[in-house]
Amino acid sequence: VKSVCSELLDSNKIPIMAGGEHSITKSAADAFPENTGLLSFDAHLDLRDEFLGERLSHATFMRRVSEKLGSDHIMEVGIRAFSRPELDFARKSGVTMITPQDLRETGISKTAQRIRGFLSGFSQSYVTVDIDVLDPAFAPGVGNPEPDGISTDELLTLIDASMQKNTVGFDLVEVSPQLDSGQTAAVGVKVIFEAIAALSTRSNKT
């Protein structure tokens, strides 16, 4: 993943990837320079230092990304499931978190503005979507569903806000076909389509 992303970036192209489990984002991040901001839509913080004896997995990849880019380069949106050590690490190290409750209290427009402001602070930005950021009513075909998520409409609005001139990559992960009737896959395709559509009007890359 790293080598392919590096090749695409060198060719002034934007890698668009579909997973698979979320650790592919770590490999993509390895291809980007240090002044890259990472925006993650996810139900989970994924900041464990280890999970089941492994230092790199879907539950630890963001911790590894923080070691590469810096925790203050990370914003996580839709968060509603985490361990106490993960939450403590996020707060102490400077990870920016927006929960579904935060979004409802602040409103979609101000949340979108906050995302744009965060991403504008970096020379480049990368956006990753774990489909379980959505409430299971909208995306049931995931391995680790979490109630009280955001809606498809909210996600699409925030995806549109996050696609900027400095966006250098995008991925969507954690759709589980064996657990899905087709609904989650259809939503995932829609998210990717809307991301590409937004990028096509704003980015100077291809």
C-alpha atoms as a PDB file:
ATOM      1  CA  VAL A   1       0.000   0.000   0.000  1.00  0.00           C
ATOM      2  CA  LYS A   2       2.792   2.416   0.897  1.00  0.00           C
ATOM      3  CA  SER A   3       4.672   1.882  -2.355  1.00  0.00           C
ATOM      4  CA  VAL A   4       1.548   2.273  -4.501  1.00  0.00           C
ATOM      5  CA  CYS A   5       0.516   5.445  -2.656  1.00  0.00           C
ATOM      6  CA  SER A   6       4.026   6.858  -3.040  1.00  0.00           C
ATOM      7  CA  GLU A   7       3.979   6.126  -6.768  1.00  0.00           C
ATOM      8  CA  LEU A   8       0.588   7.797  -7.210  1.00  0.00           C
ATOM      9  CA  LEU A   9       1.611  10.853  -5.198  1.00  0.00           C
ATOM     10  CA  ASP A  10       4.790  11.199  -7.245  1.00  0.00           C
ATOM     11  CA  SER A  11       2.564  11.184 -10.354  1.00  0.00           C
ATOM     12  CA  ASN A  12       0.367  13.953  -8.882  1.00  0.00           C
ATOM     13  CA  LYS A  13      -2.525  11.536  -8.440  1.00  0.00           C
ATOM     14  CA  ILE A  14      -4.789  10.896  -5.452  1.00  0.00           C
ATOM     15  CA  PRO A  15      -5.016   7.311  -4.148  1.00  0.00           C
ATOM     16  CA  ILE A  16      -8.607   6.219  -3.461  1.00  0.00           C
ATOM     17  CA  MET A  17      -8.708   2.897  -1.615  1.00  0.00           C
ATOM     18  CA  ALA A  18     -11.355   0.479  -0.365  1.00  0.00           C
ATOM     19  CA  GLY A  19     -10.686  -2.009   2.440  1.00  0.00           C
ATOM     20  CA  GLY A  20     -10.472  -4.332   4.008  1.00  0.00           C
ATOM     21  CA  GLU A  21      -9.647  -3.732   7.614  1.00  0.00           C
ATOM     22  CA  HIS A  22      -8.575  -0.341   8.862  1.00  0.00           C
ATOM     23  CA  SER A  23      -4.859  -0.987   9.260  1.00  0.00           C
ATOM     24  CA  ILE A  24      -4.399  -0.213   5.539  1.00  0.00           C
ATOM     25  CA  THR A  25      -4.598   3.453   6.556  1.00  0.00           C
ATOM     26  CA  LYS A  26      -1.338   3.104   8.472  1.00  0.00           C
ATOM     27  CA  SER A  27       0.450   1.930   5.328  1.00  0.00           C
ATOM     28  CA  ALA A  28      -1.013   4.830   3.354  1.00  0.00           C
ATOM     29  CA  ALA A  29       0.050   7.318   6.033  1.00  0.00           C
ATOM     30  CA  ASP A  30       3.606   6.019   5.786  1.00  0.00           C
ATOM     31  CA  ALA A  31       3.735   7.447   2.252  1.00  0.00           C
ATOM     32  CA  PHE A  32       2.877  10.988   3.329  1.00  0.00           C
ATOM     33  CA  PRO A  33       5.167  13.725   4.689  1.00  0.00           C
ATOM     34  CA  GLU A  34       5.051  14.737   8.328  1.00  0.00           C
ATOM     35  CA  ASN A  35       2.923  17.855   7.812  1.00  0.00           C
ATOM     36  CA  THR A  36      -0.150  15.816   6.858  1.00  0.00           C
ATOM     37  CA  GLY A  37      -3.419  16.107   8.743  1.00  0.00           C
ATOM     38  CA  LEU A  38      -5.468  12.933   9.077  1.00  0.00           C
ATOM     39  CA  LEU A  39      -9.256  13.038   9.391  1.00  0.00           C
ATOM     40  CA  SER A  40     -10.893   9.779  10.461  1.00  0.00           C
ATOM     41  CA  PHE A  41     -14.613   8.998  10.518  1.00  0.00           C
ATOM     42  CA  ASP A  42     -14.981   6.050  12.887  1.00  0.00           C
ATOM     43  CA  ALA A  43     -17.002   4.739  15.820  1.00  0.00           C
ATOM     44  CA  HIS A  44     -13.770   3.682  17.550  1.00  0.00           C
ATOM     45  CA  LEU A  45     -10.621   5.552  18.542  1.00  0.00           C
ATOM     46  CA  ASP A  46      -8.359   2.650  17.482  1.00  0.00           C
ATOM     47  CA  LEU A  47      -5.621   4.032  19.735  1.00  0.00           C
ATOM     48  CA  ARG A  48      -4.742   0.878  21.662  1.00  0.00           C
ATOM     49  CA  ASP A  49      -1.019   0.288  21.958  1.00  0.00           C
ATOM     50  CA  GLU A  50      -1.564  -3.467  21.552  1.00  0.00           C
ATOM     51  CA  PHE A  51      -4.540  -5.688  20.758  1.00  0.00           C
ATOM     52  CA  LEU A  52      -4.440  -9.461  21.247  1.00  0.00           C
ATOM     53  CA  GLY A  53      -0.665  -9.244  21.408  1.00  0.00           C
ATOM     54  CA  GLU A  54      -0.340  -7.352  18.110  1.00  0.00           C
ATOM     55  CA  ARG A  55       0.972  -3.803  17.741  1.00  0.00           C
ATOM     56  CA  LEU A  56      -0.611  -3.312  14.320  1.00  0.00           C
ATOM     57  CA  SER A  57      -4.269  -4.168  13.803  1.00  0.00           C
ATOM     58  CA  HIS A  58      -7.603  -2.477  13.212  1.00  0.00           C
ATOM     59  CA  ALA A  59      -7.651  -1.557  16.928  1.00  0.00           C
ATOM     60  CA  THR A  60      -4.121  -0.099  17.092  1.00  0.00           C
ATOM     61  CA  PHE A  61      -3.416   1.449  13.704  1.00  0.00           C
ATOM     62  CA  MET A  62      -4.239   5.022  14.759  1.00  0.00           C
ATOM     63  CA  ARG A  63      -1.719   4.777  17.592  1.00  0.00           C
ATOM     64  CA  ARG A  64       0.896   3.847  14.998  1.00  0.00           C
ATOM     65  CA  VAL A  65      -0.233   6.729  12.771  1.00  0.00           C
ATOM     66  CA  SER A  66       0.144   9.113  15.717  1.00  0.00           C
ATOM     67  CA  GLU A  67       3.747   7.966  16.080  1.00  0.00           C
ATOM     68  CA  LYS A  68       4.375   8.864  12.437  1.00  0.00           C
ATOM     69  CA  LEU A  69       2.421  12.114  12.033  1.00  0.00           C
ATOM     70  CA  GLY A  70       1.916  13.302  15.618  1.00  0.00           C
ATOM     71  CA  SER A  71      -1.289  13.053  17.644  1.00  0.00           C
ATOM     72  CA  ASP A  72      -2.130  16.720  17.084  1.00  0.00           C
ATOM     73  CA  HIS A  73      -2.347  15.945  13.355  1.00  0.00           C
ATOM     74  CA  ILE A  74      -5.329  13.622  13.928  1.00  0.00           C
ATOM     75  CA  MET A  75      -9.053  14.410  14.123  1.00  0.00           C
ATOM     76  CA  GLU A  76     -11.534  11.579  14.761  1.00  0.00           C
ATOM     77  CA  VAL A  77     -15.239  12.130  14.059  1.00  0.00           C
ATOM     78  CA  GLY A  78     -18.144   9.927  15.178  1.00  0.00           C
ATOM     79  CA  ILE A  79     -16.270   8.452  18.138  1.00  0.00           C
ATOM     80  CA  ARG A  80     -18.410   6.593  20.673  1.00  0.00           C
ATOM     81  CA  ALA A  81     -16.465   3.436  21.635  1.00  0.00           C
ATOM     82  CA  PHE A  82     -13.088   3.352  23.366  1.00  0.00           C
ATOM     83  CA  SER A  83     -11.191   2.006  26.339  1.00  0.00           C
ATOM     84  CA  ARG A  84     -10.097   4.199  29.241  1.00  0.00           C
ATOM     85  CA  PRO A  85      -6.400   4.027  28.209  1.00  0.00           C
ATOM     86  CA  GLU A  86      -7.326   5.079  24.666  1.00  0.00           C
ATOM     87  CA  LEU A  87      -9.332   8.048  25.900  1.00  0.00           C
ATOM     88  CA  ASP A  88      -6.575   9.102  28.290  1.00  0.00           C
ATOM     89  CA  PHE A  89      -3.995   8.889  25.512  1.00  0.00           C
ATOM     90  CA  ALA A  90      -6.161  10.906  23.112  1.00  0.00           C
ATOM     91  CA  ARG A  91      -6.740  13.675  25.639  1.00  0.00           C
ATOM     92  CA  LYS A  92      -3.135  13.888  26.803  1.00  0.00           C
ATOM     93  CA  SER A  93      -1.540  13.682  23.365  1.00  0.00           C
ATOM     94  CA  GLY A  94      -3.776  16.130  21.514  1.00  0.00           C
ATOM     95  CA  VAL A  95      -6.005  13.982  19.305  1.00  0.00           C
ATOM     96  CA  THR A  96      -9.105  15.990  18.351  1.00  0.00           C
ATOM     97  CA  MET A  97     -12.351  14.078  18.941  1.00  0.00           C
ATOM     98  CA  ILE A  98     -15.901  14.824  17.808  1.00  0.00           C
ATOM     99  CA  THR A  99     -18.631  12.509  19.086  1.00  0.00           C
ATOM    100  CA  PRO A 100     -22.108  12.120  17.566  1.00  0.00           C
ATOM    101  CA  GLN A 101     -23.426  14.047  20.579  1.00  0.00           C
ATOM    102  CA  ASP A 102     -20.969  16.869  19.862  1.00  0.00           C
ATOM    103  CA  LEU A 103     -22.204  16.966  16.280  1.00  0.00           C
ATOM    104  CA  ARG A 104     -25.833  17.167  17.341  1.00  0.00           C
ATOM    105  CA  GLU A 105     -25.180  19.875  19.906  1.00  0.00           C
ATOM    106  CA  THR A 106     -22.968  21.954  17.613  1.00  0.00           C
ATOM    107  CA  GLY A 107     -24.864  21.358  14.380  1.00  0.00           C
ATOM    108  CA  ILE A 108     -23.723  19.994  11.048  1.00  0.00           C
ATOM    109  CA  SER A 109     -22.689  23.355   9.570  1.00  0.00           C
ATOM    110  CA  LYS A 110     -20.419  24.327  12.454  1.00  0.00           C
ATOM    111  CA  THR A 111     -18.970  20.818  12.588  1.00  0.00           C
ATOM    112  CA  ALA A 112     -18.162  21.018   8.874  1.00  0.00           C
ATOM    113  CA  GLN A 113     -16.542  24.406   9.458  1.00  0.00           C
ATOM    114  CA  ARG A 114     -14.468  22.944  12.294  1.00  0.00           C
ATOM    115  CA  ILE A 115     -13.273  20.114  10.045  1.00  0.00           C
ATOM    116  CA  ARG A 116     -12.279  22.526   7.280  1.00  0.00           C
ATOM    117  CA  GLY A 117     -10.409  24.671   9.787  1.00  0.00           C
ATOM    118  CA  PHE A 118      -8.514  21.675  11.134  1.00  0.00           C
ATOM    119  CA  LEU A 119      -7.473  20.412   7.704  1.00  0.00           C
ATOM    120  CA  SER A 120      -6.420  23.867   6.515  1.00  0.00           C
ATOM    121  CA  GLY A 121      -3.674  23.840   9.140  1.00  0.00           C
ATOM    122  CA  PHE A 122      -1.655  21.280   7.181  1.00  0.00           C
ATOM    123  CA  SER A 123       0.085  21.283   3.829  1.00  0.00           C
ATOM    124  CA  GLN A 124      -1.652  18.003   2.973  1.00  0.00           C
ATOM    125  CA  SER A 125      -4.633  16.063   4.320  1.00  0.00           C
ATOM    126  CA  TYR A 126      -5.816  12.457   4.207  1.00  0.00           C
ATOM    127  CA  VAL A 127      -9.362  11.254   4.920  1.00  0.00           C
ATOM    128  CA  THR A 128     -10.313   7.762   6.073  1.00  0.00           C
ATOM    129  CA  VAL A 129     -13.823   6.410   6.623  1.00  0.00           C
ATOM    130  CA  ASP A 130     -14.603   3.342   8.705  1.00  0.00           C
ATOM    131  CA  ILE A 131     -18.169   2.616   7.658  1.00  0.00           C
ATOM    132  CA  ASP A 132     -19.069   1.757  11.268  1.00  0.00           C
ATOM    133  CA  VAL A 133     -19.069   5.501  11.954  1.00  0.00           C
ATOM    134  CA  LEU A 134     -22.658   5.228  10.742  1.00  0.00           C
ATOM    135  CA  ASP A 135     -25.424   4.046  13.015  1.00  0.00           C
ATOM    136  CA  PRO A 136     -26.118   0.333  12.387  1.00  0.00           C
ATOM    137  CA  ALA A 137     -29.536   1.315  11.031  1.00  0.00           C
ATOM    138  CA  PHE A 138     -27.704   2.771   8.020  1.00  0.00           C
ATOM    139  CA  ALA A 139     -24.733   0.373   7.834  1.00  0.00           C
ATOM    140  CA  PRO A 140     -25.427  -2.989   9.501  1.00  0.00           C
ATOM    141  CA  GLY A 141     -22.787  -4.962   7.592  1.00  0.00           C
ATOM    142  CA  VAL A 142     -19.781  -4.251   9.806  1.00  0.00           C
ATOM    143  CA  GLY A 143     -17.703  -6.325  12.188  1.00  0.00           C
ATOM    144  CA  ASN A 144     -18.019  -4.029  15.196  1.00  0.00           C
ATOM    145  CA  PRO A 145     -21.341  -2.156  15.073  1.00  0.00           C
ATOM    146  CA  GLU A 146     -21.912   0.617  17.608  1.00  0.00           C
ATOM    147  CA  PRO A 147     -25.360   2.142  18.293  1.00  0.00           C
ATOM    148  CA  ASP A 148     -25.971   5.898  18.329  1.00  0.00           C
ATOM    149  CA  GLY A 149     -23.912   6.666  15.248  1.00  0.00           C
ATOM    150  CA  ILE A 150     -24.244   9.418  12.697  1.00  0.00           C
ATOM    151  CA  SER A 151     -26.576   9.245   9.699  1.00  0.00           C
ATOM    152  CA  THR A 152     -25.677   8.733   6.059  1.00  0.00           C
ATOM    153  CA  ASP A 153     -26.740  12.298   5.291  1.00  0.00           C
ATOM    154  CA  GLU A 154     -24.488  13.671   8.034  1.00  0.00           C
ATOM    155  CA  LEU A 155     -21.534  11.627   6.807  1.00  0.00           C
ATOM    156  CA  LEU A 156     -21.972  12.734   3.199  1.00  0.00           C
ATOM    157  CA  THR A 157     -22.179  16.382   4.266  1.00  0.00           C
ATOM    158  CA  LEU A 158     -18.981  16.081   6.291  1.00  0.00           C
ATOM    159  CA  ILE A 159     -17.202  14.160   3.519  1.00  0.00           C
ATOM    160  CA  ASP A 160     -17.998  17.016   1.159  1.00  0.00           C
ATOM    161  CA  ALA A 161     -16.567  19.481   3.682  1.00  0.00           C
ATOM    162  CA  SER A 162     -13.406  17.435   4.139  1.00  0.00           C
ATOM    163  CA  MET A 163     -12.417  17.189   0.477  1.00  0.00           C
ATOM    164  CA  GLN A 164     -10.038  20.130   0.042  1.00  0.00           C
ATOM    165  CA  LYS A 165      -7.374  21.371  -2.365  1.00  0.00           C
ATOM    166  CA  ASN A 166      -4.755  19.841  -0.080  1.00  0.00           C
ATOM    167  CA  THR A 167      -6.375  16.372   0.051  1.00  0.00           C
ATOM    168  CA  VAL A 168      -3.856  13.742  -1.033  1.00  0.00           C
ATOM    169  CA  GLY A 169      -5.720  10.517  -0.312  1.00  0.00           C
ATOM    170  CA  PHE A 170      -8.948   8.832   0.777  1.00  0.00           C
ATOM    171  CA  ASP A 171     -10.005   5.387   1.905  1.00  0.00           C
ATOM    172  CA  LEU A 172     -13.171   3.597   3.001  1.00  0.00           C
ATOM    173  CA  VAL A 173     -12.847   0.435   5.067  1.00  0.00           C
ATOM    174  CA  GLU A 174     -14.535  -2.223   7.212  1.00  0.00           C
ATOM    175  CA  VAL A 175     -17.485  -3.155   4.997  1.00  0.00           C
ATOM    176  CA  SER A 176     -18.093  -6.842   5.780  1.00  0.00           C
ATOM    177  CA  PRO A 177     -19.914  -8.521   2.855  1.00  0.00           C
ATOM    178  CA  GLN A 178     -20.556 -11.696   4.848  1.00  0.00           C
ATOM    179  CA  LEU A 179     -22.565  -9.638   7.353  1.00  0.00           C
ATOM    180  CA  ASP A 180     -24.297  -7.445   4.791  1.00  0.00           C
ATOM    181  CA  SER A 181     -27.444  -7.677   2.703  1.00  0.00           C
ATOM    182  CA  GLY A 182     -25.973  -5.179   0.252  1.00  0.00           C
ATOM    183  CA  GLN A 183     -27.148  -2.086   2.125  1.00  0.00           C
ATOM    184  CA  THR A 184     -23.771  -1.263   3.669  1.00  0.00           C
ATOM    185  CA  ALA A 185     -21.901  -1.841   0.422  1.00  0.00           C
ATOM    186  CA  ALA A 186     -24.290   0.495  -1.392  1.00  0.00           C
ATOM    187  CA  VAL A 187     -23.704   3.209   1.200  1.00  0.00           C
ATOM    188  CA  GLY A 188     -19.953   2.676   0.926  1.00  0.00           C
ATOM    189  CA  VAL A 189     -20.052   3.108  -2.848  1.00  0.00           C
ATOM    190  CA  LYS A 190     -22.071   6.300  -2.406  1.00  0.00           C
ATOM    191  CA  VAL A 191     -19.508   7.703   0.036  1.00  0.00           C
ATOM    192  CA  ILE A 192     -16.628   6.961  -2.342  1.00  0.00           C
ATOM    193  CA  PHE A 193     -18.541   8.450  -5.273  1.00  0.00           C
ATOM    194  CA  GLU A 194     -19.291  11.660  -3.381  1.00  0.00           C
ATOM    195  CA  ALA A 195     -15.675  11.963  -2.225  1.00  0.00           C
ATOM    196  CA  ILE A 196     -14.422  11.638  -5.801  1.00  0.00           C
ATOM    197  CA  ALA A 197     -17.023  14.119  -7.041  1.00  0.00           C
ATOM    198  CA  ALA A 198     -15.978  16.685  -4.437  1.00  0.00           C
ATOM    199  CA  LEU A 199     -12.282  16.163  -5.152  1.00  0.00           C
ATOM    200  CA  SER A 200     -12.810  16.594  -8.885  1.00  0.00           C
ATOM    201  CA  THR A 201     -13.967  20.178  -8.355  1.00  0.00           C
ATOM    202  CA  ARG A 202     -11.375  21.218  -5.754  1.00  0.00           C
ATOM    203  CA  SER A 203      -8.125  19.380  -6.207  1.00  0.00           C
ATOM    204  CA  ASN A 204      -5.388  20.142  -8.715  1.00  0.00           C
ATOM    205  CA  LYS A 205      -4.494  16.460  -8.674  1.00  0.00           C
ATOM    206  CA  THR A 206      -6.112  13.684 -10.706  1.00  0.00           C
END
